Amino acid sequence: MIESLKNIIKGGNKNFIRLSSIIFFLISSNVIRKKGRQNSIQWKGNYLKNCNIKIIGNNNKIMFEPYGINRLTDTKIYIYGNDNIIRIGYKNIMISADLYIEDDNNEISFGDQNSIQGFTHVACIEGESVKFGDNCLFSTDVIFRVGDSHSILDSNTGDRINPSKSISIGDRVWFGHNTKILKGVSLNNDTIVATGSIVTNSFKDTNIIVAGNPAKVIKTGIKWNIQRTKINSNN
């Protein structure tokens, strides 16, 4: 794309209208709305197409690594509250991601080279965080929620008994289709979450497959490869 723009610029004034149209297209394909004070979006050197970003509140930040070559398509980012932050590292791919923050002092962060290949919803509320490491792979219809959105109360005391809790994901975690990761969960490196699983507890071990509702370890001593390698017929 950069080389194409350079060639157009070399063409002189006769290409000015065409160049202006291209720049307008790149900007206008995204919808960005901010309401409040000191809200900032830093996305220099990153590619966003057909994305919808809405920020309502004060002192919120969306921070892409400068020249991080992240590619976001058809992605929604909503922030309602104050002093929240979204961090995105290098070379992440996000297709139909849905990042949602409500309340104050929340954080959603992605490391490097994560790949979201279909609808993935990350909901962060009540001052908690959802943090992903590097090289994670997300299928479609994957959901992360740090809380229940509403209160559950002790019927005798009236005290709330369902606090929100942060989610922490290590490196190279693979989330299958229609998986759900609930509040307080921590997953270590090289974990596979099998299709349809609901994860309600943390797993400290590495190189495991978890499956079921609630998810349990069904296999250990594994590693995964994004390529479909040939199966050894001797096994």
Protein backbone atom coordinates (compact mmCIF):
# COMPACT_ATOMS: atom_id res chain seq x y z
CA MET A 1 0.00 0.00 0.00
CA ILE A 2 2.83 2.42 0.87
CA GLU A 3 4.54 1.80 -2.47
CA SER A 4 1.27 2.47 -4.30
CA LEU A 5 0.92 5.81 -2.53
CA LYS A 6 4.50 6.72 -3.41
CA ASN A 7 3.86 5.98 -7.09
CA ILE A 8 0.74 8.15 -7.06
CA ILE A 9 2.61 11.02 -5.43
CA LYS A 10 5.32 10.83 -8.11
CA GLY A 11 2.64 11.32 -10.75
CA GLY A 12 2.24 15.00 -9.77
CA ASN A 13 -0.86 17.19 -9.41
CA LYS A 14 -2.92 15.17 -11.89
CA ASN A 15 -3.11 12.41 -9.29
CA PHE A 16 -3.98 14.69 -6.35
CA ILE A 17 -7.70 13.88 -6.43
CA ARG A 18 -7.00 10.16 -6.60
CA LEU A 19 -4.54 10.34 -3.68
CA SER A 20 -7.01 12.37 -1.61
CA SER A 21 -9.71 9.79 -2.27
CA ILE A 22 -7.50 6.95 -1.07
CA ILE A 23 -6.59 8.74 2.16
CA PHE A 24 -10.22 9.62 2.79
CA PHE A 25 -11.22 5.98 2.27
CA LEU A 26 -8.64 4.73 4.77
CA ILE A 27 -9.83 7.19 7.39
CA SER A 28 -13.56 7.07 6.75
CA SER A 29 -13.75 3.25 6.85
CA ASN A 30 -13.48 3.52 10.66
CA VAL A 31 -16.01 5.17 12.99
CA ILE A 32 -14.40 6.85 15.99
CA ARG A 33 -16.43 8.68 18.65
CA LYS A 34 -15.02 10.22 21.81
CA LYS A 35 -16.91 12.08 24.53
CA GLY A 36 -15.14 13.39 27.61
CA ARG A 37 -11.71 14.77 28.50
CA GLN A 38 -8.20 13.52 27.79
CA ASN A 39 -9.22 10.40 25.89
CA SER A 40 -6.54 9.26 23.46
CA ILE A 41 -6.04 6.71 20.69
CA GLN A 42 -2.48 5.99 19.56
CA TRP A 43 -2.48 3.90 16.38
CA LYS A 44 0.38 5.25 14.24
CA GLY A 45 1.85 2.56 12.03
CA ASN A 46 -1.09 0.16 12.48
CA TYR A 47 -3.93 -0.82 10.11
CA LEU A 48 -7.61 -0.58 11.04
CA LYS A 49 -10.44 -1.23 8.59
CA ASN A 50 -14.20 -1.03 9.23
CA CYS A 51 -13.61 -0.65 12.96
CA ASN A 52 -15.94 1.07 15.42
CA ILE A 53 -14.37 2.78 18.43
CA LYS A 54 -16.47 4.55 21.08
CA ILE A 55 -15.12 6.17 24.24
CA ILE A 56 -17.31 7.89 26.83
CA GLY A 57 -15.56 9.12 29.96
CA ASN A 58 -12.27 10.75 30.94
CA ASN A 59 -8.59 9.84 30.71
CA ASN A 60 -9.06 6.63 28.75
CA LYS A 61 -6.29 5.32 26.48
CA ILE A 62 -6.14 2.94 23.54
CA MET A 63 -2.45 2.31 22.87
CA PHE A 64 -1.20 0.39 19.84
CA GLU A 65 2.54 -0.19 19.77
CA PRO A 66 3.91 2.52 17.44
CA TYR A 67 4.49 0.97 14.02
CA GLY A 68 3.33 -2.31 15.50
CA ILE A 69 1.81 -3.46 12.17
CA ASN A 70 -1.33 -4.67 13.94
CA ARG A 71 -4.23 -5.42 11.58
CA LEU A 72 -7.79 -4.97 12.89
CA THR A 73 -10.82 -5.63 10.68
CA ASP A 74 -14.51 -5.32 11.60
CA THR A 75 -13.54 -4.84 15.23
CA LYS A 76 -15.47 -2.94 17.92
CA ILE A 77 -13.86 -1.23 20.92
CA TYR A 78 -16.15 0.34 23.51
CA ILE A 79 -15.04 2.12 26.70
CA TYR A 80 -17.54 3.55 29.21
CA GLY A 81 -15.84 4.99 32.29
CA ASN A 82 -12.64 6.66 33.43
CA ASP A 83 -8.92 5.83 33.58
CA ASN A 84 -9.21 2.67 31.48
CA ILE A 85 -6.56 1.38 29.11
CA ILE A 86 -6.32 -1.00 26.16
CA ARG A 87 -2.80 -2.05 25.09
CA ILE A 88 -2.00 -3.88 21.87
CA GLY A 89 1.55 -5.00 21.08
CA TYR A 90 3.13 -6.05 17.75
CA LYS A 91 1.69 -7.86 14.73
CA ASN A 92 -1.66 -8.89 16.20
CA ILE A 93 -4.48 -9.86 13.81
CA MET A 94 -8.03 -9.20 14.98
CA ILE A 95 -11.03 -10.12 12.83
CA SER A 96 -14.42 -9.30 14.40
CA ALA A 97 -13.02 -8.74 17.87
CA ASP A 98 -15.29 -7.07 20.43
CA LEU A 99 -13.44 -5.35 23.28
CA TYR A 100 -15.74 -3.93 25.94
CA ILE A 101 -14.84 -1.97 29.07
CA GLU A 102 -17.25 -0.52 31.63
CA ASP A 103 -16.53 1.26 34.95
CA ASP A 104 -13.12 2.66 35.97
CA ASN A 105 -9.49 1.49 36.07
CA ASN A 106 -9.83 -1.57 33.84
CA GLU A 107 -7.21 -2.93 31.46
CA ILE A 108 -7.30 -5.18 28.39
CA SER A 109 -3.90 -6.03 26.95
CA PHE A 110 -2.55 -8.19 24.14
CA GLY A 111 1.12 -9.09 23.72
CA ASP A 112 2.56 -9.86 20.29
CA GLN A 113 1.39 -11.92 17.30
CA ASN A 114 -1.97 -13.04 18.64
CA SER A 115 -4.52 -14.07 16.02
CA ILE A 116 -8.30 -13.59 16.44
CA GLN A 117 -9.98 -15.32 13.49
CA GLY A 118 -13.64 -14.73 14.31
CA PHE A 119 -15.99 -13.14 16.82
CA THR A 120 -14.20 -12.87 20.15
CA HIS A 121 -15.76 -10.89 23.00
CA VAL A 122 -13.66 -9.56 25.89
CA ALA A 123 -15.65 -7.87 28.68
CA CYS A 124 -13.83 -6.11 31.50
CA ILE A 125 -15.60 -4.33 34.39
CA GLU A 126 -15.16 -3.15 37.99
CA GLY A 127 -11.47 -2.27 37.84
CA GLU A 128 -10.25 -5.70 36.71
CA SER A 129 -8.04 -6.80 33.80
CA VAL A 130 -7.86 -9.30 30.97
CA LYS A 131 -4.28 -9.90 29.84
CA PHE A 132 -3.06 -12.08 26.98
CA GLY A 133 0.53 -13.13 26.31
CA ASP A 134 2.02 -13.80 22.86
CA ASN A 135 1.04 -16.06 19.95
CA CYS A 136 -2.43 -17.02 21.19
CA LEU A 137 -4.95 -18.33 18.65
CA PHE A 138 -8.69 -17.59 18.86
CA SER A 139 -11.31 -19.46 16.83
CA THR A 140 -14.88 -18.09 16.58
CA ASP A 141 -17.44 -17.31 19.29
CA VAL A 142 -14.88 -17.07 22.08
CA ILE A 143 -15.92 -15.13 25.21
CA PHE A 144 -13.95 -13.74 28.16
CA ARG A 145 -15.83 -12.21 31.10
CA VAL A 146 -14.34 -10.99 34.39
CA GLY A 147 -17.74 -10.56 36.04
CA ASP A 148 -21.43 -11.39 36.05
CA SER A 149 -22.61 -7.86 35.13
CA HIS A 150 -25.22 -7.94 37.93
CA SER A 151 -25.14 -8.47 41.68
CA ILE A 152 -25.80 -11.69 43.56
CA LEU A 153 -26.59 -10.99 47.22
CA ASP A 154 -26.59 -13.05 50.38
CA SER A 155 -30.29 -13.31 51.30
CA ASN A 156 -29.56 -12.91 55.02
CA THR A 157 -27.01 -10.10 55.10
CA GLY A 158 -27.66 -8.37 51.80
CA ASP A 159 -23.91 -8.46 51.07
CA ARG A 160 -22.81 -8.95 47.52
CA ILE A 161 -21.14 -12.35 47.02
CA ASN A 162 -20.08 -12.29 43.35
CA PRO A 163 -17.07 -9.99 42.96
CA SER A 164 -15.43 -9.62 39.55
CA LYS A 165 -11.96 -11.14 39.11
CA SER A 166 -9.22 -10.62 36.52
CA ILE A 167 -8.32 -13.12 33.77
CA SER A 168 -4.71 -13.95 32.87
CA ILE A 169 -3.68 -15.87 29.73
CA GLY A 170 -0.12 -17.02 29.00
CA ASP A 171 1.66 -17.56 25.67
CA ARG A 172 0.51 -19.88 22.88
CA VAL A 173 -2.94 -20.62 24.24
CA TRP A 174 -5.38 -21.93 21.62
CA PHE A 175 -9.11 -21.28 22.15
CA GLY A 176 -11.43 -23.53 20.16
CA HIS A 177 -14.84 -22.59 18.76
CA ASN A 178 -17.58 -21.59 21.23
CA THR A 179 -15.36 -21.49 24.31
CA LYS A 180 -15.97 -19.35 27.39
CA ILE A 181 -13.37 -18.19 29.90
CA LEU A 182 -14.93 -16.87 33.09
CA LYS A 183 -13.79 -14.61 35.92
CA GLY A 184 -10.64 -15.35 37.89
CA VAL A 185 -9.26 -17.86 35.39
CA SER A 186 -5.54 -18.13 34.73
CA LEU A 187 -4.20 -20.35 31.92
CA ASN A 188 -0.52 -21.13 31.49
CA ASN A 189 1.57 -21.46 28.32
CA ASP A 190 0.74 -23.98 25.58
CA THR A 191 -2.78 -24.74 26.76
CA ILE A 192 -5.52 -25.83 24.35
CA VAL A 193 -9.13 -25.08 25.29
CA ALA A 194 -11.26 -27.60 23.41
CA THR A 195 -14.35 -26.69 21.40
CA GLY A 196 -17.43 -25.88 23.49
CA SER A 197 -15.58 -25.75 26.80
CA ILE A 198 -16.47 -23.46 29.70
CA VAL A 199 -13.44 -22.69 31.84
CA THR A 200 -14.27 -21.72 35.43
CA ASN A 201 -11.02 -22.66 37.20
CA SER A 202 -7.34 -21.86 36.71
CA PHE A 203 -4.78 -24.38 35.41
CA LYS A 204 -1.14 -23.93 36.38
CA ASP A 205 0.29 -26.72 34.23
CA THR A 206 1.69 -26.12 30.75
CA ASN A 207 1.23 -28.22 27.59
CA ILE A 208 -2.28 -29.43 28.42
CA ILE A 209 -5.70 -29.79 26.80
CA VAL A 210 -8.72 -28.78 28.88
CA ALA A 211 -12.26 -29.67 27.86
CA GLY A 212 -15.83 -29.85 29.13
CA ASN A 213 -18.21 -27.88 31.35
CA PRO A 214 -16.63 -27.14 33.70
CA ALA A 215 -13.35 -27.70 31.87
CA LYS A 216 -10.93 -30.34 33.17
CA VAL A 217 -7.52 -31.55 31.99
CA ILE A 218 -8.01 -34.38 29.49
CA LYS A 219 -4.47 -34.65 28.11
CA THR A 220 -0.97 -33.60 29.16
CA GLY A 221 2.42 -33.42 27.46
CA ILE A 222 1.21 -31.80 24.25
CA LYS A 223 2.25 -28.94 22.02
CA TRP A 224 0.38 -27.51 19.06
CA ASN A 225 1.22 -26.22 15.60
CA ILE A 226 -0.91 -23.94 13.47
CA GLN A 227 0.03 -26.07 10.45
CA ARG A 228 -1.66 -29.43 9.80
CA THR A 229 1.44 -31.62 9.90
CA LYS A 230 1.49 -35.20 8.62
CA ILE A 231 0.43 -37.87 11.12
CA ASN A 232 2.99 -40.59 11.77
CA SER A 233 1.40 -43.85 10.59
CA ASN A 234 3.41 -45.82 13.19
CA ASN A 235 1.43 -44.25 16.07
